[in-house]
Protein backbone atom coordinates (compact mmCIF):
# COMPACT_ATOMS: atom_id res chain seq x y z
CA MET A 1 0.00 0.00 0.00
CA LEU A 2 1.20 3.48 -0.77
CA GLU A 3 1.95 6.00 1.93
CA LYS A 4 -1.19 8.02 2.74
CA THR A 5 0.07 11.23 1.14
CA GLU A 6 1.08 9.47 -2.08
CA HIS A 7 -2.19 7.56 -2.12
CA MET A 8 -4.28 10.72 -1.67
CA ILE A 9 -2.32 12.50 -4.42
CA MET A 10 -2.98 9.59 -6.78
CA LEU A 11 -6.67 9.58 -5.88
CA LYS A 12 -6.79 13.33 -6.53
CA ASP A 13 -5.02 12.87 -9.87
CA PHE A 14 -7.63 10.34 -10.98
CA TYR A 15 -10.79 11.69 -9.40
CA GLY A 16 -9.94 15.33 -8.61
CA PRO A 17 -12.26 16.80 -11.26
CA LEU A 18 -15.18 15.19 -9.41
CA LEU A 19 -14.43 17.31 -6.33
CA THR A 20 -15.52 20.90 -5.85
CA LEU A 21 -12.98 23.57 -6.79
CA LYS A 22 -12.56 24.41 -3.10
CA GLN A 23 -11.87 20.77 -2.25
CA GLN A 24 -9.37 20.51 -5.12
CA ASP A 25 -7.62 23.68 -3.96
CA LEU A 26 -7.32 22.62 -0.33
CA MET A 27 -6.23 19.09 -1.26
CA SER A 28 -3.46 20.54 -3.43
CA LEU A 29 -2.24 22.86 -0.70
CA TYR A 30 -2.33 20.19 1.98
CA TYR A 31 -1.01 17.14 0.14
CA GLU A 32 1.03 18.49 -2.76
CA ASP A 33 2.38 21.75 -1.32
CA ASP A 34 2.66 20.39 2.24
CA TRP A 35 0.90 23.29 3.93
CA SER A 36 -0.40 22.80 7.46
CA LEU A 37 -4.07 23.18 8.32
CA SER A 38 -3.23 26.44 10.11
CA GLU A 39 -1.35 27.83 7.11
CA ILE A 40 -4.23 27.03 4.79
CA ALA A 41 -6.78 28.51 7.19
CA GLU A 42 -4.81 31.72 7.58
CA ASN A 43 -4.23 32.05 3.84
CA ARG A 44 -7.88 31.37 2.99
CA GLY A 45 -9.34 33.46 5.82
CA THR A 46 -11.17 30.59 7.49
CA SER A 47 -10.82 28.40 10.55
CA ARG A 48 -8.53 25.44 10.92
CA GLN A 49 -11.59 23.29 11.68
CA ALA A 50 -13.30 24.37 8.45
CA VAL A 51 -10.20 23.39 6.45
CA TYR A 52 -10.07 20.05 8.26
CA ASP A 53 -13.75 19.38 7.52
CA VAL A 54 -13.38 20.17 3.80
CA LEU A 55 -10.30 17.94 3.55
CA LYS A 56 -12.01 15.04 5.33
CA ARG A 57 -15.07 15.28 3.07
CA ALA A 58 -12.80 15.36 0.01
CA GLU A 59 -10.76 12.38 1.25
CA THR A 60 -13.92 10.40 1.92
CA ALA A 61 -15.32 11.22 -1.51
CA LEU A 62 -12.06 10.20 -3.24
CA GLN A 63 -11.91 6.92 -1.33
CA GLU A 64 -15.53 6.17 -2.21
CA TYR A 65 -14.83 6.83 -5.90
CA GLU A 66 -11.89 4.44 -5.74
CA GLU A 67 -13.97 1.76 -3.99
CA ARG A 68 -16.58 1.97 -6.75
CA LEU A 69 -14.34 2.41 -9.78
CA GLY A 70 -10.94 1.03 -8.75
CA LEU A 71 -9.01 3.10 -11.30
CA VAL A 72 -5.98 3.67 -9.07
CA ASP A 73 -5.70 -0.03 -8.20
CA LYS A 74 -5.99 -0.94 -11.89
CA PHE A 75 -3.33 1.64 -12.77
CA ILE A 76 -0.93 0.32 -10.11
CA PHE A 77 -1.51 -3.29 -11.20
CA THR A 78 -0.94 -2.37 -14.85
CA ARG A 79 2.18 -0.35 -14.06
CA ARG A 80 3.71 -3.18 -12.02
CA GLY A 81 2.92 -5.71 -14.72
CA LEU A 82 4.50 -3.54 -17.39
CA GLU A 83 7.60 -3.01 -15.23
CA GLU A 84 7.92 -6.76 -14.76
CA ILE A 85 7.57 -7.39 -18.50
CA TYR A 86 10.13 -4.67 -19.20
CA THR A 87 12.58 -6.27 -16.77
CA LEU A 88 12.09 -9.72 -18.29
CA LEU A 89 12.55 -8.46 -21.83
CA LYS A 90 15.56 -6.28 -20.97
CA LYS A 91 17.61 -9.19 -19.62
CA THR A 92 20.74 -9.80 -21.62
CA GLY A 93 20.89 -12.86 -23.80
CA CYS A 94 18.05 -14.90 -25.13
CA LEU A 95 14.92 -15.29 -23.11
CA GLU A 96 14.06 -18.73 -21.91
CA GLN A 97 10.65 -20.11 -22.83
CA LYS A 98 9.60 -19.79 -19.16
CA GLU A 99 10.33 -16.03 -19.19
CA ILE A 100 8.50 -15.53 -22.48
CA GLU A 101 5.47 -17.38 -21.11
CA LYS A 102 5.57 -15.23 -17.95
CA ALA A 103 5.64 -12.02 -20.03
CA ILE A 104 2.73 -13.28 -22.14
CA GLU A 105 0.78 -14.19 -19.00
CA ILE A 106 1.29 -10.71 -17.53
CA LEU A 107 0.26 -9.06 -20.79
CA HIS A 108 -2.87 -11.22 -20.88
CA GLU A 109 -3.77 -10.20 -17.30
CA ILE A 110 -3.32 -6.53 -18.20
CA MET A 111 -5.44 -6.89 -21.35
CA GLU A 112 -8.21 -8.54 -19.31
CA LEU A 113 -8.13 -5.62 -16.90
CA VAL A 114 -8.31 -2.80 -19.43
């Protein structure tokens, strides 16, 4: 599992347009720019609690989108499969039949997913 910050950034990358502009803005400041709740509140002229509430609602929404659609999990699975295929194919010398079959199996799994 990814670290929470990385995971939330990925969720925002995939599902961010489904959030309100305010939620997108606060998520960017908090997760991508590493601002504290107090810094965001001061900059936006609101309370720390209000910022916290908006962030929690946004996080919940993003996690619910991922539970329903699973796009981030599919992306991670696809990326790992492609990296494994790349590693197998990049090996020096001729590939053994076992390695070729493994690469084909991974490609088949990816094709089934997408």
